[in-house]
N, C-alpha and C. Protein backbone atom coordinates (compact mmCIF):
# COMPACT_ATOMS: atom_id res chain seq x y z
N MET A 1 35.22 116.44 211.66
CA MET A 1 33.88 116.21 211.13
C MET A 1 33.77 114.75 210.66
N SER A 2 32.77 114.05 211.14
CA SER A 2 32.59 112.65 210.76
C SER A 2 31.95 112.56 209.37
N LEU A 3 32.25 111.48 208.67
CA LEU A 3 31.69 111.26 207.35
C LEU A 3 30.25 110.79 207.47
N SER A 4 29.43 111.18 206.49
CA SER A 4 28.03 110.78 206.46
C SER A 4 27.80 109.94 205.21
N PHE A 5 27.23 108.76 205.39
CA PHE A 5 27.02 107.84 204.27
C PHE A 5 25.54 107.81 203.89
N PRO A 6 25.27 107.63 202.61
CA PRO A 6 26.22 107.49 201.50
C PRO A 6 26.99 108.79 201.25
N LEU A 7 28.26 108.64 200.88
CA LEU A 7 29.07 109.82 200.59
C LEU A 7 28.49 110.56 199.39
N SER A 8 28.40 111.87 199.50
CA SER A 8 27.88 112.70 198.42
C SER A 8 28.86 112.73 197.25
N ASN A 9 28.39 113.25 196.11
CA ASN A 9 29.29 113.43 194.97
C ASN A 9 30.48 114.30 195.35
N ALA A 10 30.22 115.36 196.11
CA ALA A 10 31.31 116.27 196.50
C ALA A 10 32.32 115.57 197.39
N ALA A 11 31.88 114.60 198.17
CA ALA A 11 32.77 113.93 199.11
C ALA A 11 33.66 112.90 198.45
N LEU A 12 33.25 112.37 197.27
CA LEU A 12 34.10 111.35 196.63
C LEU A 12 34.07 111.45 195.11
N ALA A 13 32.92 111.27 194.48
CA ALA A 13 32.88 111.16 193.02
C ALA A 13 33.50 112.35 192.31
N ASP A 14 33.22 113.56 192.80
CA ASP A 14 33.76 114.76 192.16
C ASP A 14 35.28 114.85 192.28
N ARG A 15 35.86 114.11 193.21
CA ARG A 15 37.30 114.16 193.44
C ARG A 15 38.08 113.16 192.59
N LEU A 16 37.36 112.32 191.88
CA LEU A 16 38.01 111.23 191.14
C LEU A 16 38.40 111.68 189.74
N PRO A 17 39.70 111.73 189.42
CA PRO A 17 40.12 112.01 188.04
C PRO A 17 40.07 110.71 187.23
N ILE A 18 38.90 110.43 186.69
CA ILE A 18 38.67 109.14 186.04
C ILE A 18 39.34 109.10 184.67
N GLU A 19 40.17 108.09 184.48
CA GLU A 19 40.86 107.90 183.21
C GLU A 19 40.01 107.09 182.24
N SER A 20 39.35 106.06 182.74
CA SER A 20 38.48 105.24 181.91
C SER A 20 37.39 104.64 182.78
N VAL A 21 36.27 104.31 182.13
CA VAL A 21 35.14 103.78 182.89
C VAL A 21 34.35 102.82 182.01
N ARG A 22 33.83 101.79 182.64
CA ARG A 22 32.81 100.93 182.04
C ARG A 22 31.59 101.03 182.93
N TRP A 23 30.43 101.23 182.34
CA TRP A 23 29.21 101.47 183.11
C TRP A 23 28.06 100.77 182.39
N TRP A 24 27.40 99.82 183.04
CA TRP A 24 26.38 99.05 182.34
C TRP A 24 25.31 98.56 183.31
N LEU A 25 24.19 98.16 182.71
CA LEU A 25 23.05 97.63 183.45
C LEU A 25 23.11 96.11 183.36
N GLU A 26 23.18 95.46 184.50
CA GLU A 26 23.33 94.00 184.52
C GLU A 26 22.08 93.34 185.10
N GLY A 27 21.54 92.39 184.35
CA GLY A 27 20.36 91.68 184.81
C GLY A 27 20.71 90.43 185.59
N GLN A 28 19.70 89.94 186.28
CA GLN A 28 19.82 88.67 186.99
C GLN A 28 18.83 87.72 186.32
N GLN A 29 19.31 86.96 185.35
CA GLN A 29 18.44 86.13 184.54
C GLN A 29 18.95 84.70 184.46
N GLU A 30 18.03 83.79 184.20
CA GLU A 30 18.40 82.42 183.88
C GLU A 30 17.75 82.06 182.55
N TYR A 31 18.33 81.11 181.86
CA TYR A 31 17.73 80.68 180.60
C TYR A 31 17.97 79.20 180.41
N SER A 32 17.11 78.59 179.62
CA SER A 32 17.24 77.18 179.30
C SER A 32 16.99 76.99 177.81
N GLY A 33 17.80 76.14 177.19
CA GLY A 33 17.69 75.91 175.76
C GLY A 33 16.59 74.92 175.42
N LEU A 34 16.01 75.09 174.24
CA LEU A 34 14.99 74.19 173.73
C LEU A 34 15.54 73.40 172.56
N GLY A 35 14.92 72.29 172.27
CA GLY A 35 15.37 71.46 171.17
C GLY A 35 15.28 72.15 169.83
N SER A 36 14.43 73.16 169.75
CA SER A 36 14.25 73.89 168.49
C SER A 36 15.38 74.88 168.23
N GLY A 37 16.26 75.06 169.22
CA GLY A 37 17.32 76.05 169.08
C GLY A 37 16.98 77.36 169.75
N GLU A 38 15.72 77.54 170.12
CA GLU A 38 15.33 78.73 170.88
C GLU A 38 15.68 78.53 172.35
N PHE A 39 15.57 79.59 173.13
CA PHE A 39 15.74 79.43 174.57
C PHE A 39 14.77 80.32 175.32
N LEU A 40 14.43 79.87 176.52
CA LEU A 40 13.53 80.61 177.39
C LEU A 40 14.35 81.32 178.45
N SER A 41 13.93 82.52 178.80
CA SER A 41 14.65 83.28 179.82
C SER A 41 13.66 83.82 180.83
N ALA A 42 14.17 84.08 182.04
CA ALA A 42 13.33 84.61 183.11
C ALA A 42 14.18 85.49 184.01
N ASP A 43 13.58 86.58 184.49
CA ASP A 43 14.25 87.46 185.43
C ASP A 43 14.20 86.86 186.82
N LEU A 44 15.34 86.86 187.50
CA LEU A 44 15.41 86.37 188.88
C LEU A 44 15.44 87.51 189.88
N GLY A 45 15.69 88.71 189.42
CA GLY A 45 15.77 89.86 190.31
C GLY A 45 15.88 91.13 189.50
N PRO A 46 15.88 92.28 190.15
CA PRO A 46 15.95 93.55 189.44
C PRO A 46 17.31 93.76 188.79
N LYS A 47 17.31 94.48 187.68
CA LYS A 47 18.57 94.86 187.04
C LYS A 47 19.23 95.96 187.86
N VAL A 48 20.55 95.90 187.96
CA VAL A 48 21.30 96.89 188.73
C VAL A 48 22.46 97.42 187.90
N TRP A 49 22.88 98.63 188.23
CA TRP A 49 24.01 99.26 187.55
C TRP A 49 25.32 98.76 188.14
N LYS A 50 26.29 98.53 187.26
CA LYS A 50 27.64 98.17 187.68
C LYS A 50 28.62 99.07 186.93
N ALA A 51 29.79 99.26 187.52
CA ALA A 51 30.80 100.10 186.88
C ALA A 51 32.19 99.63 187.25
N GLU A 52 33.11 99.81 186.32
CA GLU A 52 34.54 99.62 186.56
C GLU A 52 35.21 100.96 186.31
N VAL A 53 35.94 101.44 187.29
CA VAL A 53 36.54 102.78 187.22
C VAL A 53 38.06 102.67 187.33
N ARG A 54 38.76 103.34 186.44
CA ARG A 54 40.22 103.42 186.51
C ARG A 54 40.61 104.88 186.68
N ILE A 55 41.44 105.13 187.70
CA ILE A 55 41.85 106.49 188.04
C ILE A 55 43.11 106.86 187.26
N ALA A 56 43.17 108.09 186.79
CA ALA A 56 44.35 108.58 186.07
C ALA A 56 45.56 108.61 187.00
N PRO A 57 46.77 108.53 186.46
CA PRO A 57 47.97 108.65 187.31
C PRO A 57 47.94 109.94 188.11
N LEU A 58 48.34 109.84 189.38
CA LEU A 58 48.30 110.98 190.30
C LEU A 58 49.62 111.08 191.05
N TYR A 59 49.97 112.30 191.44
CA TYR A 59 51.08 112.44 192.38
C TYR A 59 50.73 111.68 193.65
N HIS A 60 51.75 111.13 194.30
CA HIS A 60 51.52 110.22 195.41
C HIS A 60 50.58 110.79 196.46
N ALA A 61 50.79 112.03 196.85
CA ALA A 61 49.96 112.62 197.91
C ALA A 61 48.50 112.68 197.50
N ASP A 62 48.24 113.01 196.23
CA ASP A 62 46.86 113.07 195.74
C ASP A 62 46.25 111.68 195.70
N ALA A 63 47.03 110.70 195.27
CA ALA A 63 46.54 109.32 195.23
C ALA A 63 46.22 108.81 196.62
N LEU A 64 47.06 109.13 197.58
CA LEU A 64 46.83 108.67 198.95
C LEU A 64 45.58 109.33 199.55
N GLU A 65 45.32 110.57 199.16
CA GLU A 65 44.11 111.24 199.65
C GLU A 65 42.86 110.51 199.16
N ILE A 66 42.85 110.16 197.87
CA ILE A 66 41.71 109.42 197.33
C ILE A 66 41.62 108.04 197.96
N GLN A 67 42.77 107.38 198.12
CA GLN A 67 42.77 106.06 198.74
C GLN A 67 42.19 106.11 200.15
N SER A 68 42.51 107.16 200.89
CA SER A 68 41.99 107.27 202.26
C SER A 68 40.47 107.37 202.26
N ARG A 69 39.91 108.09 201.30
CA ARG A 69 38.45 108.24 201.25
C ARG A 69 37.79 106.92 200.84
N ILE A 70 38.42 106.21 199.92
CA ILE A 70 37.87 104.90 199.52
C ILE A 70 37.96 103.92 200.68
N GLU A 71 39.06 103.94 201.40
CA GLU A 71 39.21 103.03 202.54
C GLU A 71 38.23 103.38 203.66
N ALA A 72 37.80 104.65 203.72
CA ALA A 72 36.81 105.05 204.73
C ALA A 72 35.46 104.40 204.49
N LEU A 73 35.25 103.82 203.31
CA LEU A 73 34.02 103.10 203.04
C LEU A 73 33.97 101.78 203.79
N ASP A 74 35.12 101.37 204.36
CA ASP A 74 35.21 100.08 205.06
C ASP A 74 34.77 98.94 204.15
N GLY A 75 35.42 98.88 203.00
CA GLY A 75 35.09 97.84 202.04
C GLY A 75 33.71 98.06 201.45
N SER A 76 32.86 97.05 201.58
CA SER A 76 31.50 97.13 201.05
C SER A 76 30.48 97.49 202.13
N MET A 77 30.94 97.94 203.27
CA MET A 77 30.03 98.22 204.38
C MET A 77 29.22 99.50 204.16
N ASN A 78 29.84 100.49 203.51
CA ASN A 78 29.17 101.79 203.34
C ASN A 78 29.04 102.14 201.87
N SER A 79 28.09 102.99 201.57
CA SER A 79 27.77 103.33 200.19
C SER A 79 28.19 104.75 199.84
N PHE A 80 28.19 105.05 198.55
CA PHE A 80 28.46 106.40 198.07
C PHE A 80 27.74 106.60 196.75
N TYR A 81 27.64 107.85 196.33
CA TYR A 81 27.01 108.16 195.05
C TYR A 81 28.08 108.27 193.97
N LEU A 82 27.75 107.75 192.80
CA LEU A 82 28.70 107.76 191.68
C LEU A 82 27.92 107.97 190.39
N TYR A 83 28.48 108.78 189.49
CA TYR A 83 27.86 109.02 188.19
C TYR A 83 28.80 108.57 187.08
N ASP A 84 28.20 108.26 185.94
CA ASP A 84 28.97 107.97 184.73
C ASP A 84 29.48 109.30 184.18
N PRO A 85 30.80 109.52 184.12
CA PRO A 85 31.32 110.81 183.67
C PRO A 85 30.94 111.14 182.23
N ARG A 86 30.51 110.15 181.47
CA ARG A 86 30.10 110.39 180.09
C ARG A 86 28.68 110.95 180.01
N ALA A 87 27.95 110.88 181.12
CA ALA A 87 26.53 111.26 181.11
C ALA A 87 26.21 112.26 182.21
N ARG A 88 27.16 113.18 182.48
CA ARG A 88 26.93 114.15 183.56
C ARG A 88 25.85 115.16 183.20
N TYR A 89 25.67 115.42 181.91
CA TYR A 89 24.71 116.41 181.46
C TYR A 89 23.93 115.86 180.27
N PRO A 90 22.72 116.37 180.03
CA PRO A 90 22.00 115.98 178.82
C PRO A 90 22.81 116.33 177.57
N ARG A 91 22.66 115.53 176.54
CA ARG A 91 23.45 115.70 175.32
C ARG A 91 23.25 117.08 174.71
N ALA A 92 22.03 117.59 174.73
CA ALA A 92 21.74 118.89 174.13
C ALA A 92 22.00 120.06 175.09
N ASP A 93 22.51 119.75 176.27
CA ASP A 93 22.81 120.77 177.28
C ASP A 93 24.13 120.39 177.94
N PRO A 94 25.24 120.44 177.18
CA PRO A 94 26.49 119.80 177.59
C PRO A 94 27.16 120.36 178.83
N ASP A 95 26.74 121.52 179.31
CA ASP A 95 27.29 122.00 180.58
C ASP A 95 26.20 122.28 181.61
N GLY A 96 24.96 121.93 181.28
CA GLY A 96 23.87 122.06 182.22
C GLY A 96 23.29 123.45 182.38
N THR A 97 23.79 124.42 181.62
CA THR A 97 23.33 125.80 181.81
C THR A 97 21.90 126.01 181.33
N LEU A 98 21.48 125.26 180.29
CA LEU A 98 20.13 125.43 179.78
C LEU A 98 19.08 124.96 180.79
N MET A 99 19.45 124.00 181.62
CA MET A 99 18.52 123.52 182.65
C MET A 99 18.19 124.64 183.62
N GLY A 100 19.21 125.48 183.92
CA GLY A 100 18.99 126.64 184.77
C GLY A 100 18.31 126.29 186.07
N SER A 101 17.25 127.02 186.39
CA SER A 101 16.53 126.82 187.64
C SER A 101 15.28 125.96 187.45
N ALA A 102 15.19 125.27 186.31
CA ALA A 102 14.04 124.40 186.07
C ALA A 102 13.98 123.31 187.14
N THR A 103 12.78 122.87 187.45
CA THR A 103 12.59 121.84 188.48
C THR A 103 11.74 120.71 187.92
N PRO A 104 12.34 119.85 187.09
CA PRO A 104 11.58 118.77 186.47
C PRO A 104 11.09 117.74 187.48
N VAL A 105 9.91 117.21 187.21
CA VAL A 105 9.32 116.17 188.06
C VAL A 105 8.68 115.11 187.17
N ILE A 106 8.43 113.95 187.77
CA ILE A 106 7.68 112.91 187.07
C ILE A 106 6.23 113.36 186.95
N ALA A 107 5.75 113.52 185.72
CA ALA A 107 4.37 113.96 185.50
C ALA A 107 3.42 112.77 185.46
N THR A 108 3.77 111.76 184.68
CA THR A 108 2.96 110.54 184.61
C THR A 108 3.89 109.34 184.49
N LEU A 109 3.40 108.19 184.90
CA LEU A 109 4.12 106.93 184.77
C LEU A 109 3.28 105.99 183.92
N GLY A 110 3.91 105.33 182.95
CA GLY A 110 3.18 104.42 182.08
C GLY A 110 2.78 103.14 182.77
N ALA A 111 1.69 102.55 182.30
CA ALA A 111 1.23 101.29 182.86
C ALA A 111 2.22 100.16 182.60
N ASN A 112 3.08 100.33 181.59
CA ASN A 112 4.08 99.31 181.29
C ASN A 112 5.26 99.33 182.24
N ASN A 113 5.28 100.30 183.16
CA ASN A 113 6.31 100.41 184.20
C ASN A 113 7.70 100.71 183.63
N LYS A 114 7.76 101.24 182.41
CA LYS A 114 9.05 101.58 181.83
C LYS A 114 8.99 102.85 180.99
N SER A 115 7.92 103.61 181.15
CA SER A 115 7.79 104.88 180.42
C SER A 115 7.23 105.94 181.35
N LEU A 116 7.48 107.20 180.99
CA LEU A 116 7.02 108.32 181.81
C LEU A 116 6.94 109.57 180.95
N THR A 117 6.30 110.59 181.50
CA THR A 117 6.41 111.94 180.98
C THR A 117 7.00 112.81 182.07
N VAL A 118 7.68 113.87 181.67
CA VAL A 118 8.34 114.78 182.60
C VAL A 118 7.79 116.18 182.40
N SER A 119 7.49 116.86 183.49
CA SER A 119 7.07 118.25 183.43
C SER A 119 8.07 119.11 184.18
N GLY A 120 7.92 120.42 184.05
CA GLY A 120 8.82 121.34 184.75
C GLY A 120 10.08 121.69 184.00
N LEU A 121 10.17 121.28 182.73
CA LEU A 121 11.33 121.62 181.90
C LEU A 121 11.09 122.94 181.18
N LEU A 122 12.13 123.47 180.59
CA LEU A 122 11.98 124.64 179.73
C LEU A 122 11.34 124.22 178.42
N ALA A 123 10.56 125.09 177.82
CA ALA A 123 9.97 124.80 176.52
C ALA A 123 11.07 124.48 175.52
N GLY A 124 10.90 123.38 174.78
CA GLY A 124 11.87 122.99 173.77
C GLY A 124 13.07 122.23 174.30
N TYR A 125 13.12 121.96 175.61
CA TYR A 125 14.29 121.25 176.17
C TYR A 125 14.30 119.82 175.63
N ILE A 126 15.48 119.36 175.26
CA ILE A 126 15.63 118.04 174.63
C ILE A 126 16.25 117.06 175.62
N LEU A 127 15.60 115.91 175.75
CA LEU A 127 16.17 114.78 176.49
C LEU A 127 16.55 113.73 175.46
N SER A 128 17.83 113.41 175.37
CA SER A 128 18.34 112.55 174.31
C SER A 128 18.50 111.11 174.77
N ALA A 129 18.27 110.19 173.85
CA ALA A 129 18.52 108.78 174.13
C ALA A 129 19.97 108.59 174.56
N GLY A 130 20.18 107.81 175.58
CA GLY A 130 21.51 107.60 176.13
C GLY A 130 21.78 108.43 177.36
N GLY A 131 21.01 109.52 177.54
CA GLY A 131 21.15 110.32 178.74
C GLY A 131 20.59 109.60 179.96
N MET A 132 20.87 110.15 181.13
CA MET A 132 20.45 109.50 182.36
C MET A 132 19.80 110.52 183.30
N PHE A 133 19.08 110.00 184.28
CA PHE A 133 18.52 110.84 185.34
C PHE A 133 18.32 109.98 186.59
N HIS A 134 18.25 110.66 187.72
CA HIS A 134 17.94 109.94 188.96
C HIS A 134 16.84 110.65 189.72
N PHE A 135 16.22 109.91 190.61
CA PHE A 135 15.29 110.50 191.57
C PHE A 135 15.33 109.67 192.85
N ASP A 136 15.04 110.32 193.95
CA ASP A 136 14.99 109.67 195.26
C ASP A 136 13.54 109.38 195.62
N TYR A 137 13.33 108.26 196.30
CA TYR A 137 11.97 107.88 196.68
C TYR A 137 12.01 107.08 197.97
N GLY A 138 10.87 107.01 198.62
CA GLY A 138 10.77 106.23 199.85
C GLY A 138 11.35 106.96 201.05
N SER A 139 11.31 106.29 202.18
CA SER A 139 11.87 106.83 203.42
C SER A 139 12.26 105.67 204.33
N SER A 140 13.32 105.91 205.12
CA SER A 140 13.79 104.91 206.10
C SER A 140 13.96 103.51 205.50
N PRO A 141 14.80 103.33 204.47
CA PRO A 141 15.73 104.33 203.95
C PRO A 141 15.19 105.04 202.71
N VAL A 142 15.79 106.19 202.41
CA VAL A 142 15.54 106.85 201.13
C VAL A 142 16.31 106.09 200.06
N ARG A 143 15.64 105.75 198.98
CA ARG A 143 16.27 104.98 197.90
C ARG A 143 16.54 105.88 196.70
N ARG A 144 17.49 105.45 195.88
CA ARG A 144 17.89 106.23 194.70
C ARG A 144 17.68 105.37 193.46
N ALA A 145 16.91 105.88 192.51
CA ALA A 145 16.70 105.21 191.23
C ALA A 145 17.49 105.95 190.16
N LEU A 146 18.19 105.19 189.32
CA LEU A 146 18.94 105.75 188.20
C LEU A 146 18.45 105.08 186.93
N HIS A 147 18.11 105.88 185.93
CA HIS A 147 17.55 105.35 184.69
C HIS A 147 18.25 105.97 183.48
N ARG A 148 18.30 105.17 182.39
CA ARG A 148 18.83 105.66 181.12
C ARG A 148 17.68 105.87 180.14
N ILE A 149 17.73 107.01 179.46
CA ILE A 149 16.70 107.36 178.49
C ILE A 149 16.89 106.53 177.22
N VAL A 150 15.80 105.97 176.70
CA VAL A 150 15.86 105.12 175.51
C VAL A 150 15.41 105.86 174.25
N GLU A 151 14.55 106.87 174.41
CA GLU A 151 14.01 107.60 173.26
C GLU A 151 14.24 109.10 173.43
N THR A 152 14.63 109.77 172.36
CA THR A 152 14.81 111.22 172.40
C THR A 152 13.45 111.91 172.32
N VAL A 153 13.23 112.88 173.23
CA VAL A 153 11.97 113.62 173.25
C VAL A 153 12.27 115.11 173.47
N THR A 154 11.31 115.94 173.10
CA THR A 154 11.43 117.39 173.27
C THR A 154 10.24 117.91 174.05
N ALA A 155 10.50 118.72 175.07
CA ALA A 155 9.42 119.30 175.86
C ALA A 155 8.60 120.27 175.03
N ASN A 156 7.29 120.27 175.25
CA ASN A 156 6.42 121.19 174.52
C ASN A 156 6.49 122.60 175.10
N GLY A 157 5.62 123.47 174.63
CA GLY A 157 5.66 124.86 175.08
C GLY A 157 5.37 125.03 176.56
N SER A 158 4.76 124.01 177.17
CA SER A 158 4.48 124.05 178.61
C SER A 158 5.55 123.34 179.42
N GLY A 159 6.62 122.87 178.75
CA GLY A 159 7.70 122.20 179.46
C GLY A 159 7.42 120.76 179.82
N VAL A 160 6.50 120.13 179.07
CA VAL A 160 6.12 118.74 179.33
C VAL A 160 6.55 117.89 178.14
N THR A 161 7.17 116.75 178.42
CA THR A 161 7.61 115.85 177.35
C THR A 161 6.50 114.89 176.96
N PRO A 162 6.56 114.35 175.75
CA PRO A 162 5.74 113.18 175.45
C PRO A 162 6.27 111.98 176.23
N ALA A 163 5.52 110.90 176.24
CA ALA A 163 5.96 109.69 176.94
C ALA A 163 7.20 109.12 176.26
N PHE A 164 8.13 108.64 177.07
CA PHE A 164 9.33 108.00 176.54
C PHE A 164 9.75 106.86 177.46
N GLU A 165 10.45 105.89 176.87
CA GLU A 165 10.87 104.72 177.62
C GLU A 165 12.24 104.93 178.25
N VAL A 166 12.45 104.21 179.35
CA VAL A 166 13.72 104.21 180.06
C VAL A 166 14.05 102.78 180.47
N ARG A 167 15.27 102.58 180.90
CA ARG A 167 15.67 101.33 181.53
C ARG A 167 16.55 101.67 182.73
N PRO A 168 16.48 100.91 183.79
CA PRO A 168 15.64 99.73 184.00
C PRO A 168 14.19 100.12 184.23
N HIS A 169 13.32 99.11 184.39
CA HIS A 169 11.94 99.37 184.74
C HIS A 169 11.87 100.07 186.10
N PHE A 170 10.78 100.79 186.31
CA PHE A 170 10.58 101.46 187.60
C PHE A 170 10.29 100.43 188.69
N ARG A 171 10.80 100.71 189.86
CA ARG A 171 10.58 99.82 191.00
C ARG A 171 9.43 100.35 191.86
N PRO A 172 8.87 99.48 192.69
CA PRO A 172 7.81 99.95 193.59
C PRO A 172 8.29 101.15 194.41
N GLY A 173 7.45 102.15 194.49
CA GLY A 173 7.82 103.38 195.21
C GLY A 173 7.96 104.58 194.30
N ALA A 174 8.16 104.33 193.00
CA ALA A 174 8.22 105.45 192.05
C ALA A 174 6.81 106.01 191.88
N THR A 175 6.67 107.32 192.03
CA THR A 175 5.36 107.96 191.95
C THR A 175 5.47 109.28 191.20
N THR A 176 4.34 109.78 190.76
CA THR A 176 4.32 111.09 190.12
C THR A 176 4.65 112.18 191.15
N GLY A 177 5.20 113.27 190.65
CA GLY A 177 5.54 114.39 191.51
C GLY A 177 6.93 114.36 192.08
N LEU A 178 7.65 113.25 191.91
CA LEU A 178 9.02 113.17 192.43
C LEU A 178 9.96 114.02 191.59
N ALA A 179 10.86 114.73 192.25
CA ALA A 179 11.83 115.57 191.56
C ALA A 179 12.86 114.71 190.85
N ILE A 180 13.22 115.12 189.63
CA ILE A 180 14.18 114.40 188.79
C ILE A 180 15.43 115.25 188.62
N GLN A 181 16.60 114.59 188.65
CA GLN A 181 17.87 115.27 188.43
C GLN A 181 18.50 114.77 187.13
N PHE A 182 18.71 115.68 186.19
CA PHE A 182 19.39 115.33 184.94
C PHE A 182 20.85 115.76 184.94
N ILE A 183 21.27 116.50 185.96
CA ILE A 183 22.66 116.95 186.08
C ILE A 183 23.37 116.05 187.09
N ASN A 184 24.49 115.46 186.68
CA ASN A 184 25.21 114.50 187.51
C ASN A 184 24.30 113.40 188.05
N PRO A 185 23.55 112.73 187.18
CA PRO A 185 22.68 111.66 187.64
C PRO A 185 23.50 110.52 188.23
N SER A 186 23.18 110.15 189.45
CA SER A 186 24.06 109.27 190.23
C SER A 186 23.31 108.06 190.76
N ALA A 187 24.02 106.96 190.86
CA ALA A 187 23.51 105.77 191.53
C ALA A 187 24.12 105.69 192.92
N LYS A 188 23.39 105.07 193.84
CA LYS A 188 23.97 104.74 195.14
C LYS A 188 24.63 103.38 194.99
N VAL A 189 25.92 103.32 195.26
CA VAL A 189 26.70 102.12 194.97
C VAL A 189 27.54 101.70 196.19
N LYS A 190 28.01 100.47 196.12
CA LYS A 190 28.99 99.96 197.07
C LYS A 190 30.13 99.30 196.30
N LEU A 191 31.30 99.29 196.90
CA LEU A 191 32.43 98.60 196.30
C LEU A 191 32.14 97.11 196.21
N ILE A 192 32.50 96.50 195.09
CA ILE A 192 32.46 95.04 195.00
C ILE A 192 33.64 94.51 195.81
N PRO A 193 33.39 93.59 196.74
CA PRO A 193 34.46 93.13 197.63
C PRO A 193 35.71 92.69 196.86
N GLY A 194 36.84 93.17 197.32
CA GLY A 194 38.12 92.78 196.75
C GLY A 194 38.48 93.47 195.46
N SER A 195 37.66 94.42 195.00
CA SER A 195 37.91 95.03 193.68
C SER A 195 38.83 96.24 193.74
N PHE A 196 39.04 96.82 194.92
CA PHE A 196 39.86 98.04 194.98
C PHE A 196 41.32 97.71 194.78
N GLU A 197 41.92 98.38 193.80
CA GLU A 197 43.35 98.25 193.51
C GLU A 197 44.00 99.60 193.79
N PRO A 198 44.89 99.69 194.78
CA PRO A 198 45.45 100.99 195.17
C PRO A 198 46.44 101.57 194.18
N GLY A 199 46.86 100.79 193.19
CA GLY A 199 47.84 101.29 192.25
C GLY A 199 49.26 101.10 192.76
N THR A 200 50.20 101.46 191.92
CA THR A 200 51.62 101.28 192.24
C THR A 200 52.34 102.62 192.15
N GLY A 201 53.07 102.95 193.20
CA GLY A 201 53.85 104.18 193.21
C GLY A 201 55.10 104.05 192.37
N GLN A 202 55.31 104.98 191.45
CA GLN A 202 56.48 104.98 190.59
C GLN A 202 57.47 106.02 191.09
N ALA A 203 58.67 105.57 191.45
CA ALA A 203 59.66 106.48 192.02
C ALA A 203 60.12 107.52 191.00
N GLY A 204 60.29 107.09 189.75
CA GLY A 204 60.83 108.00 188.75
C GLY A 204 59.92 109.18 188.45
N THR A 205 58.61 108.90 188.36
CA THR A 205 57.66 109.96 188.02
C THR A 205 57.00 110.58 189.24
N ARG A 206 57.23 109.97 190.41
CA ARG A 206 56.59 110.40 191.65
C ARG A 206 55.07 110.37 191.53
N ARG A 207 54.60 109.41 190.75
CA ARG A 207 53.16 109.25 190.56
C ARG A 207 52.72 107.83 190.92
N THR A 208 51.45 107.72 191.29
CA THR A 208 50.83 106.42 191.52
C THR A 208 49.96 106.10 190.33
N GLU A 209 50.16 104.91 189.76
CA GLU A 209 49.44 104.51 188.56
C GLU A 209 48.68 103.22 188.80
N GLY A 210 47.54 103.08 188.14
CA GLY A 210 46.81 101.82 188.17
C GLY A 210 45.74 101.70 189.24
N MET A 211 45.39 102.79 189.92
CA MET A 211 44.32 102.71 190.92
C MET A 211 43.00 102.44 190.21
N SER A 212 42.21 101.51 190.75
CA SER A 212 40.94 101.18 190.12
C SER A 212 40.01 100.53 191.14
N PHE A 213 38.74 100.46 190.80
CA PHE A 213 37.77 99.75 191.64
C PHE A 213 36.54 99.43 190.81
N GLN A 214 35.72 98.54 191.35
CA GLN A 214 34.45 98.18 190.74
C GLN A 214 33.34 98.40 191.76
N VAL A 215 32.17 98.78 191.26
CA VAL A 215 31.03 99.03 192.14
C VAL A 215 29.78 98.37 191.59
N GLN A 216 28.82 98.20 192.47
CA GLN A 216 27.50 97.72 192.09
C GLN A 216 26.45 98.56 192.81
N GLN A 217 25.39 98.88 192.09
CA GLN A 217 24.30 99.64 192.69
C GLN A 217 23.70 98.89 193.86
N THR A 218 23.37 99.62 194.91
CA THR A 218 22.65 99.05 196.04
C THR A 218 21.27 99.66 196.09
N LEU A 219 20.28 98.83 196.29
CA LEU A 219 18.89 99.29 196.29
C LEU A 219 18.40 99.56 197.70
């Protein structure tokens, strides 16, 4: 069976025994200082997610299996989905069971391009600041947006939240009615060239230690 890109969570992310992770939103900005001590800044491009992932020590065969899947990406040529393991579920729903069969969607988008309301949740469902969600939009190609919640909100009796802010700002193509995923919210990413470290095999423990890589969101 041939691999299909971007690799799904099941094909790669779910297989990674992550020991440590750094996950952040990085802007593309320039700034210039003023004589007053202030400085001016300007965005040069959209903010994108970046991550540094370190894999826990593994028995050699298990490490080689993961290495083979990472090498199948052909460096930065192909993409895969990856989630922050700290934000797999909403804070108030730590195993995702409360979400159940709910089908949340974007109900409204704010004119400021950084706020929204969500419908289709259970009454009283809590979305906490720091949590994340993704949605797919567009076609040829289908794009993936990943956002972090900035304000904690609670769905009303009809399963609709008040407006709340997120980051990054929404990009062109985000529309009402799009399905939102709060469970395993994932970005579409590619390896940063030269960042994959295969780790070192230790004869005494029969384990490979130090495997790591860095990724950047691809739009």
